[in-house]
Amino acid sequence: MSEEQETPQQNEPIDLSKREDLANEPVYNNPGTPPPFQPAPPFQQFGGFGQPNLPNATIALILGILSIPACCCYGLGLIFGIIAWVLAGSDIKKYNLNPNAYSISSYKNTKAGKVCGIIGTILSLLYIICLIAMIVIFGWAALKDPETMKELLREKGLQ
């Protein structure tokens, strides 16, 4: 065995001022401790670092999305779509006046809410127009020949 293996090493303090390779490194209290914790910059909810969200971005997106399946609910989609359209329009104006004050993700959510609101409004209007057309056509048929209309209703089990 070698002489180094036979004699155990003693723990002696290291003088850092004598070591040239460690002269520029910061000295911590304990050599095994990591550098002190530095908190991250403030993070806004869904907005990014330091920038707040547009005030109605989430509401406009939710109402815009809900307006599409609600278009078959006799005008409920029309209400949701118009509200989403108006809220998104006001937020887009706020963003265009000062783009650096708001987060880009909330702006994208607002635009998506506006597009969904427009689609939901159009689908709701088409559904309402179809309902009115059916009522007018069946009403006209009932006025033109009431006996035929009664027979149709009996066949369908509605009367």
Protein backbone atom coordinates (compact mmCIF):
# COMPACT_ATOMS: atom_id res chain seq x y z
CA MET A 1 0.00 0.00 0.00
CA SER A 2 1.06 3.51 -0.61
CA GLU A 3 1.75 5.96 2.13
CA GLU A 4 -1.28 8.14 1.25
CA GLN A 5 -3.68 5.25 1.67
CA GLU A 6 -2.27 4.27 5.06
CA THR A 7 -2.50 7.67 6.74
CA PRO A 8 -5.91 9.33 6.82
CA GLN A 9 -6.18 12.90 5.56
CA GLN A 10 -6.89 15.60 8.08
CA ASN A 11 -9.55 18.25 7.47
CA GLU A 12 -7.77 21.57 7.49
CA PRO A 13 -9.33 24.91 6.52
CA ILE A 14 -8.41 26.19 3.09
CA ASP A 15 -7.07 29.68 2.76
CA LEU A 16 -8.89 31.08 -0.29
CA SER A 17 -6.65 34.11 -0.57
CA LYS A 18 -3.72 31.86 -1.55
CA ARG A 19 -5.59 30.05 -4.33
CA GLU A 20 -5.53 31.99 -7.56
CA ASP A 21 -8.26 29.97 -9.32
CA LEU A 22 -10.81 30.84 -6.60
CA ALA A 23 -9.89 34.50 -6.19
CA ASN A 24 -12.74 35.81 -8.37
CA GLU A 25 -15.48 33.48 -7.08
CA PRO A 26 -17.92 34.74 -4.41
CA VAL A 27 -17.37 33.41 -0.93
CA TYR A 28 -20.36 31.85 0.84
CA ASN A 29 -20.67 31.02 4.51
CA ASN A 30 -20.46 27.32 3.86
CA PRO A 31 -18.78 25.87 0.76
CA GLY A 32 -21.73 23.51 0.19
CA THR A 33 -24.47 26.15 0.26
CA PRO A 34 -26.02 27.39 -2.99
CA PRO A 35 -26.18 31.09 -3.84
CA PRO A 36 -28.88 33.07 -2.05
CA PHE A 37 -32.45 32.84 -3.38
CA GLN A 38 -33.57 35.62 -5.67
CA PRO A 39 -37.33 35.88 -6.28
CA ALA A 40 -38.63 35.83 -9.82
CA PRO A 41 -40.23 38.96 -11.26
CA PRO A 42 -43.97 39.29 -10.59
CA PHE A 43 -46.13 37.04 -12.73
CA GLN A 44 -49.68 38.14 -13.50
CA GLN A 45 -52.40 35.55 -13.89
CA PHE A 46 -52.17 34.21 -17.46
CA GLY A 47 -50.56 37.46 -18.53
CA GLY A 48 -46.84 37.10 -18.54
CA PHE A 49 -44.12 38.90 -16.65
CA GLY A 50 -45.11 42.30 -15.37
CA GLN A 51 -48.01 42.99 -17.70
CA PRO A 52 -51.64 42.84 -16.58
CA ASN A 53 -54.38 41.22 -18.60
CA LEU A 54 -57.06 43.12 -20.45
CA PRO A 55 -60.02 43.47 -18.08
CA ASN A 56 -62.64 41.57 -20.12
CA ALA A 57 -60.45 39.16 -22.09
CA THR A 58 -61.49 36.00 -20.26
CA ILE A 59 -65.17 36.94 -20.10
CA ALA A 60 -65.26 37.76 -23.82
CA LEU A 61 -63.59 34.44 -24.65
CA ILE A 62 -65.98 32.41 -22.48
CA LEU A 63 -69.11 34.13 -23.81
CA GLY A 64 -67.84 33.87 -27.37
CA ILE A 65 -67.25 30.14 -27.02
CA LEU A 66 -70.63 29.63 -25.32
CA SER A 67 -72.44 31.54 -28.05
CA ILE A 68 -71.62 28.87 -30.65
CA PRO A 69 -73.37 25.85 -29.07
CA ALA A 70 -76.06 28.12 -27.62
CA CYS A 71 -77.08 29.26 -31.11
CA CYS A 72 -79.77 26.55 -31.13
CA CYS A 73 -81.29 27.81 -27.87
CA TYR A 74 -83.80 30.27 -29.33
CA GLY A 75 -81.71 33.42 -29.08
CA LEU A 76 -79.45 32.64 -26.12
CA GLY A 77 -76.46 32.35 -28.45
CA LEU A 78 -77.40 35.71 -29.94
CA ILE A 79 -77.24 37.34 -26.50
CA PHE A 80 -73.92 35.68 -25.60
CA GLY A 81 -72.42 36.53 -28.98
CA ILE A 82 -73.37 40.20 -28.89
CA ILE A 83 -72.07 40.65 -25.34
CA ALA A 84 -68.78 38.92 -26.24
CA TRP A 85 -68.49 41.04 -29.38
CA VAL A 86 -68.98 44.32 -27.47
CA LEU A 87 -66.66 43.41 -24.57
CA ALA A 88 -63.93 42.24 -26.92
CA GLY A 89 -64.27 45.36 -29.06
CA SER A 90 -63.72 47.65 -26.07
CA ASP A 91 -60.71 45.65 -24.90
CA ILE A 92 -59.16 45.67 -28.37
CA LYS A 93 -59.48 49.48 -28.41
CA LYS A 94 -57.76 49.65 -25.00
CA TYR A 95 -54.95 47.43 -26.25
CA ASN A 96 -54.49 49.44 -29.45
CA LEU A 97 -54.18 52.68 -27.45
CA ASN A 98 -51.38 51.28 -25.27
CA PRO A 99 -50.06 47.88 -26.42
CA ASN A 100 -47.18 47.79 -23.94
CA ALA A 101 -49.50 48.10 -20.94
CA TYR A 102 -51.25 44.73 -21.48
CA SER A 103 -50.10 41.19 -22.16
CA ILE A 104 -50.19 39.77 -25.67
CA SER A 105 -51.86 36.56 -24.50
CA SER A 106 -54.87 38.46 -23.16
CA TYR A 107 -55.06 40.35 -26.46
CA LYS A 108 -55.13 37.06 -28.35
CA ASN A 109 -57.85 35.72 -26.02
CA THR A 110 -59.86 38.88 -26.65
CA LYS A 111 -59.56 38.50 -30.42
CA ALA A 112 -60.57 34.84 -30.19
CA GLY A 113 -63.58 35.80 -28.06
CA LYS A 114 -64.61 38.41 -30.63
CA VAL A 115 -64.33 35.94 -33.51
CA CYS A 116 -66.31 33.28 -31.61
CA GLY A 117 -68.90 35.92 -30.67
CA ILE A 118 -69.30 36.92 -34.32
CA ILE A 119 -69.66 33.29 -35.40
CA GLY A 120 -72.17 32.59 -32.61
CA THR A 121 -74.19 35.70 -33.50
CA ILE A 122 -74.36 34.77 -37.18
CA LEU A 123 -75.36 31.16 -36.43
CA SER A 124 -78.02 32.35 -33.99
CA LEU A 125 -79.44 34.77 -36.53
CA LEU A 126 -79.57 32.02 -39.17
CA TYR A 127 -81.34 29.71 -36.71
CA ILE A 128 -83.91 32.37 -35.81
CA ILE A 129 -84.49 33.18 -39.50
CA CYS A 130 -85.08 29.46 -40.21
CA LEU A 131 -87.57 29.25 -37.33
CA ILE A 132 -89.47 32.30 -38.56
CA ALA A 133 -89.49 30.93 -42.12
CA MET A 134 -90.89 27.59 -40.90
CA ILE A 135 -93.60 29.33 -38.89
CA VAL A 136 -94.55 31.50 -41.86
CA ILE A 137 -94.58 28.57 -44.30
CA PHE A 138 -96.63 26.31 -42.03
CA GLY A 139 -98.90 29.21 -41.10
CA TRP A 140 -99.46 30.00 -44.76
CA ALA A 141 -100.21 26.36 -45.47
CA ALA A 142 -102.66 26.26 -42.57
CA LEU A 143 -104.47 29.37 -43.81
CA LYS A 144 -104.52 28.13 -47.39
CA ASP A 145 -105.90 24.65 -46.67
CA PRO A 146 -106.86 24.04 -43.02
CA GLU A 147 -108.04 20.45 -43.65
CA THR A 148 -104.66 19.38 -45.08
CA MET A 149 -102.89 20.93 -42.12
CA LYS A 150 -105.11 19.09 -39.66
CA GLU A 151 -104.36 15.81 -41.45
CA LEU A 152 -100.61 16.50 -41.28
CA LEU A 153 -100.85 17.23 -37.59
CA ARG A 154 -102.83 14.04 -36.96
CA GLU A 155 -100.28 11.96 -38.88
CA LYS A 156 -97.44 13.42 -36.78
CA GLY A 157 -99.39 12.85 -33.57
CA LEU A 158 -99.41 16.52 -32.66
CA GLN A 159 -103.17 16.87 -32.39
